[in-house]
C-alpha atoms as a PDB file:
ATOM      1  CA  MET A   1      35.231  27.377 -82.258  1.00  0.00           C
ATOM      2  CA  MET A   2      32.857  30.054 -82.178  1.00  0.00           C
ATOM      3  CA  ASP A   3      31.883  29.160 -77.977  1.00  0.00           C
ATOM      4  CA  VAL A   4      35.609  29.823 -77.183  1.00  0.00           C
ATOM      5  CA  GLY A   5      35.455  33.250 -79.826  1.00  0.00           C
ATOM      6  CA  LEU A   6      32.899  34.544 -77.868  1.00  0.00           C
ATOM      7  CA  LEU A   7      34.668  33.716 -74.697  1.00  0.00           C
ATOM      8  CA  ILE A   8      37.323  35.217 -75.701  1.00  0.00           C
ATOM      9  CA  ILE A   9      35.895  38.107 -76.738  1.00  0.00           C
ATOM     10  CA  ARG A  10      33.674  38.487 -73.844  1.00  0.00           C
ATOM     11  CA  LEU A  11      36.776  38.110 -71.201  1.00  0.00           C
ATOM     12  CA  VAL A  12      38.796  40.950 -72.929  1.00  0.00           C
ATOM     13  CA  ILE A  13      36.138  43.229 -73.665  1.00  0.00           C
ATOM     14  CA  GLY A  14      34.722  42.706 -69.752  1.00  0.00           C
ATOM     15  CA  VAL A  15      37.900  43.106 -67.998  1.00  0.00           C
ATOM     16  CA  LEU A  16      38.640  46.119 -69.995  1.00  0.00           C
ATOM     17  CA  PHE A  17      35.459  48.096 -68.895  1.00  0.00           C
ATOM     18  CA  ILE A  18      36.063  46.857 -65.202  1.00  0.00           C
ATOM     19  CA  GLY A  19      39.346  48.673 -65.660  1.00  0.00           C
ATOM     20  CA  HIS A  20      37.669  51.512 -66.453  1.00  0.00           C
ATOM     21  CA  GLY A  21      35.150  51.448 -63.681  1.00  0.00           C
ATOM     22  CA  ALA A  22      37.927  51.586 -61.350  1.00  0.00           C
ATOM     23  CA  GLN A  23      39.500  53.834 -62.435  1.00  0.00           C
ATOM     24  CA  LYS A  24      36.276  56.107 -62.098  1.00  0.00           C
ATOM     25  CA  LEU A  25      35.293  54.731 -59.306  1.00  0.00           C
ATOM     26  CA  PHE A  26      38.704  54.060 -56.912  1.00  0.00           C
ATOM     27  CA  GLY A  27      41.345  55.852 -58.876  1.00  0.00           C
ATOM     28  CA  TRP A  28      42.896  52.154 -59.856  1.00  0.00           C
ATOM     29  CA  PHE A  29      44.839  52.329 -62.543  1.00  0.00           C
ATOM     30  CA  GLY A  30      46.053  55.014 -63.329  1.00  0.00           C
ATOM     31  CA  GLY A  31      42.596  56.658 -62.867  1.00  0.00           C
ATOM     32  CA  TYR A  32      41.340  59.750 -60.988  1.00  0.00           C
ATOM     33  CA  GLY A  33      38.993  58.370 -58.660  1.00  0.00           C
ATOM     34  CA  LEU A  34      34.983  59.741 -58.427  1.00  0.00           C
ATOM     35  CA  LYS A  35      36.444  63.602 -57.649  1.00  0.00           C
ATOM     36  CA  GLY A  36      38.584  63.927 -60.476  1.00  0.00           C
ATOM     37  CA  THR A  37      36.495  62.258 -62.749  1.00  0.00           C
ATOM     38  CA  GLY A  38      33.291  64.313 -61.942  1.00  0.00           C
ATOM     39  CA  GLY A  39      35.551  67.320 -61.861  1.00  0.00           C
ATOM     40  CA  TRP A  40      36.134  66.405 -65.432  1.00  0.00           C
ATOM     41  CA  MET A  41      32.454  65.251 -66.286  1.00  0.00           C
ATOM     42  CA  GLU A  42      31.407  68.760 -64.804  1.00  0.00           C
ATOM     43  CA  SER A  43      34.254  70.651 -67.469  1.00  0.00           C
ATOM     44  CA  ILE A  44      32.625  69.142 -70.068  1.00  0.00           C
ATOM     45  CA  GLY A  45      29.166  69.950 -69.072  1.00  0.00           C
ATOM     46  CA  ILE A  46      28.074  66.176 -67.357  1.00  0.00           C
ATOM     47  CA  LYS A  47      26.435  67.613 -64.146  1.00  0.00           C
ATOM     48  CA  PRO A  48      26.420  66.655 -61.577  1.00  0.00           C
ATOM     49  CA  GLY A  49      30.107  65.598 -62.178  1.00  0.00           C
ATOM     50  CA  VAL A  50      30.341  63.180 -58.950  1.00  0.00           C
ATOM     51  CA  THR A  51      27.172  61.589 -59.238  1.00  0.00           C
ATOM     52  CA  MET A  52      27.621  60.989 -63.089  1.00  0.00           C
ATOM     53  CA  ALA A  53      30.981  59.392 -62.393  1.00  0.00           C
ATOM     54  CA  LEU A  54      29.716  57.113 -59.666  1.00  0.00           C
ATOM     55  CA  PHE A  55      26.590  56.448 -62.552  1.00  0.00           C
ATOM     56  CA  ALA A  56      29.337  55.789 -65.221  1.00  0.00           C
ATOM     57  CA  GLY A  57      31.936  53.520 -62.790  1.00  0.00           C
ATOM     58  CA  LEU A  58      29.282  51.606 -61.352  1.00  0.00           C
ATOM     59  CA  ALA A  59      27.533  50.484 -65.035  1.00  0.00           C
ATOM     60  CA  GLU A  60      31.323  50.066 -66.563  1.00  0.00           C
ATOM     61  CA  LEU A  61      32.510  47.581 -63.280  1.00  0.00           C
ATOM     62  CA  ILE A  62      29.318  46.037 -63.020  1.00  0.00           C
ATOM     63  CA  GLY A  63      28.453  45.707 -66.635  1.00  0.00           C
ATOM     64  CA  GLY A  64      32.178  44.731 -67.607  1.00  0.00           C
ATOM     65  CA  THR A  65      31.819  42.093 -64.538  1.00  0.00           C
ATOM     66  CA  LEU A  66      28.677  40.256 -65.983  1.00  0.00           C
ATOM     67  CA  PHE A  67      30.023  40.561 -69.943  1.00  0.00           C
ATOM     68  CA  ALA A  68      32.923  38.489 -68.883  1.00  0.00           C
ATOM     69  CA  ALA A  69      31.645  36.163 -66.559  1.00  0.00           C
ATOM     70  CA  GLY A  70      28.452  35.606 -69.540  1.00  0.00           C
ATOM     71  CA  LEU A  71      25.481  36.616 -66.943  1.00  0.00           C
ATOM     72  CA  LEU A  72      22.490  38.645 -67.708  1.00  0.00           C
ATOM     73  CA  THR A  73      24.815  39.170 -71.346  1.00  0.00           C
ATOM     74  CA  PRO A  74      21.518  41.202 -72.820  1.00  0.00           C
ATOM     75  CA  LEU A  75      22.034  43.725 -69.729  1.00  0.00           C
ATOM     76  CA  ALA A  76      25.732  43.394 -69.506  1.00  0.00           C
ATOM     77  CA  GLY A  77      25.961  44.513 -73.212  1.00  0.00           C
ATOM     78  CA  ILE A  78      23.653  47.650 -72.588  1.00  0.00           C
ATOM     79  CA  MET A  79      25.758  48.696 -70.016  1.00  0.00           C
ATOM     80  CA  ILE A  80      28.639  48.881 -71.677  1.00  0.00           C
ATOM     81  CA  ALA A  81      26.767  50.152 -74.914  1.00  0.00           C
ATOM     82  CA  ALA A  82      24.843  52.929 -72.746  1.00  0.00           C
ATOM     83  CA  THR A  83      28.444  53.974 -71.729  1.00  0.00           C
ATOM     84  CA  MET A  84      30.180  54.178 -75.146  1.00  0.00           C
ATOM     85  CA  VAL A  85      27.139  56.319 -76.609  1.00  0.00           C
ATOM     86  CA  MET A  86      27.388  58.768 -73.571  1.00  0.00           C
ATOM     87  CA  ALA A  87      30.964  58.989 -74.685  1.00  0.00           C
ATOM     88  CA  ILE A  88      30.384  59.258 -78.716  1.00  0.00           C
ATOM     89  CA  VAL A  89      27.817  61.896 -77.664  1.00  0.00           C
ATOM     90  CA  LYS A  90      29.816  64.079 -74.810  1.00  0.00           C
ATOM     91  CA  VAL A  91      33.298  63.510 -76.111  1.00  0.00           C
ATOM     92  CA  HIS A  92      34.476  61.523 -79.069  1.00  0.00           C
ATOM     93  CA  GLY A  93      31.838  62.360 -81.429  1.00  0.00           C
ATOM     94  CA  PRO A  94      32.454  66.163 -82.317  1.00  0.00           C
ATOM     95  CA  ASN A  95      35.794  64.982 -83.072  1.00  0.00           C
ATOM     96  CA  GLY A  96      34.423  62.989 -86.130  1.00  0.00           C
ATOM     97  CA  LEU A  97      34.761  58.907 -86.472  1.00  0.00           C
ATOM     98  CA  TRP A  98      38.669  58.405 -86.395  1.00  0.00           C
ATOM     99  CA  ALA A  99      40.926  57.519 -83.369  1.00  0.00           C
ATOM    100  CA  THR A 100      43.852  59.538 -84.324  1.00  0.00           C
ATOM    101  CA  GLN A 101      41.735  62.753 -84.008  1.00  0.00           C
ATOM    102  CA  ASN A 102      40.284  61.521 -80.718  1.00  0.00           C
ATOM    103  CA  GLY A 103      37.639  60.380 -82.555  1.00  0.00           C
ATOM    104  CA  TYR A 104      34.905  57.911 -81.690  1.00  0.00           C
ATOM    105  CA  GLU A 105      36.322  54.863 -83.706  1.00  0.00           C
ATOM    106  CA  TYR A 106      36.931  53.028 -81.094  1.00  0.00           C
ATOM    107  CA  ASN A 107      33.471  53.603 -78.901  1.00  0.00           C
ATOM    108  CA  LEU A 108      31.545  52.364 -81.825  1.00  0.00           C
ATOM    109  CA  THR A 109      33.655  49.268 -82.061  1.00  0.00           C
ATOM    110  CA  LEU A 110      33.311  48.491 -78.296  1.00  0.00           C
ATOM    111  CA  LEU A 111      29.464  49.453 -78.900  1.00  0.00           C
ATOM    112  CA  VAL A 112      29.220  47.205 -81.545  1.00  0.00           C
ATOM    113  CA  VAL A 113      31.181  44.319 -79.812  1.00  0.00           C
ATOM    114  CA  ALA A 114      28.726  44.883 -76.363  1.00  0.00           C
ATOM    115  CA  ILE A 115      25.666  44.731 -78.426  1.00  0.00           C
ATOM    116  CA  GLY A 116      26.284  42.009 -81.172  1.00  0.00           C
ATOM    117  CA  VAL A 117      27.712  39.605 -77.951  1.00  0.00           C
ATOM    118  CA  ALA A 118      24.396  40.475 -76.555  1.00  0.00           C
ATOM    119  CA  LEU A 119      21.573  39.688 -79.584  1.00  0.00           C
ATOM    120  CA  THR A 120      23.627  36.384 -80.441  1.00  0.00           C
ATOM    121  CA  GLY A 121      24.286  35.499 -76.815  1.00  0.00           C
ATOM    122  CA  PRO A 122      27.587  34.361 -74.513  1.00  0.00           C
ATOM    123  CA  GLY A 123      28.393  31.157 -76.206  1.00  0.00           C
ATOM    124  CA  GLN A 124      28.351  27.735 -74.136  1.00  0.00           C
ATOM    125  CA  TYR A 125      31.036  29.267 -71.897  1.00  0.00           C
ATOM    126  CA  ALA A 126      28.928  31.470 -70.049  1.00  0.00           C
ATOM    127  CA  LEU A 127      27.095  31.591 -66.639  1.00  0.00           C
ATOM    128  CA  ASP A 128      24.050  32.367 -68.785  1.00  0.00           C
ATOM    129  CA  ALA A 129      24.221  29.126 -70.421  1.00  0.00           C
ATOM    130  CA  PHE A 130      24.545  27.119 -67.095  1.00  0.00           C
ATOM    131  CA  LEU A 131      21.497  28.467 -65.516  1.00  0.00           C
ATOM    132  CA  PHE A 132      19.030  29.551 -67.935  1.00  0.00           C
END
C-alpha cells in the first residue's frame, strides 16, 4: 500500500506543478504567461523578470513531469523544492507562517513533500523502479 500512497502523492503534486509551470510559460489555467509573470517578478525585485519567469516555469513544468512519472525523482524533488524556497524567500516569508496571512505554510508543505519523496524514493509504480 505504501507504493500506492507514493504514487498518489507524486501524481497530485507533480500535476499541480505542471499546471503552475504552464501558467508561467504559456498563460494556461488562468496564468499570465512569461511576459505577465516576468513583470510581476520584476515588481518584487526578481530580475530579469522574464528570464526568471522562464526558469521558474521550466523548473515547475519539468520538475512536476518528472515527479509525477517517478523519473529521476531526486532531481525532480530538488527542482520543486528550489521553486518553493524562492517562493518563501521572495514572496511569502515576510508574511509569516500561516497561509491565511499569505504566509509560507503551503510552500513549506510542498517543499517537505518533494524532499521527502526524493529521499525515500518514488515507490514501485514509478519509472525509476523500472529503469534503475
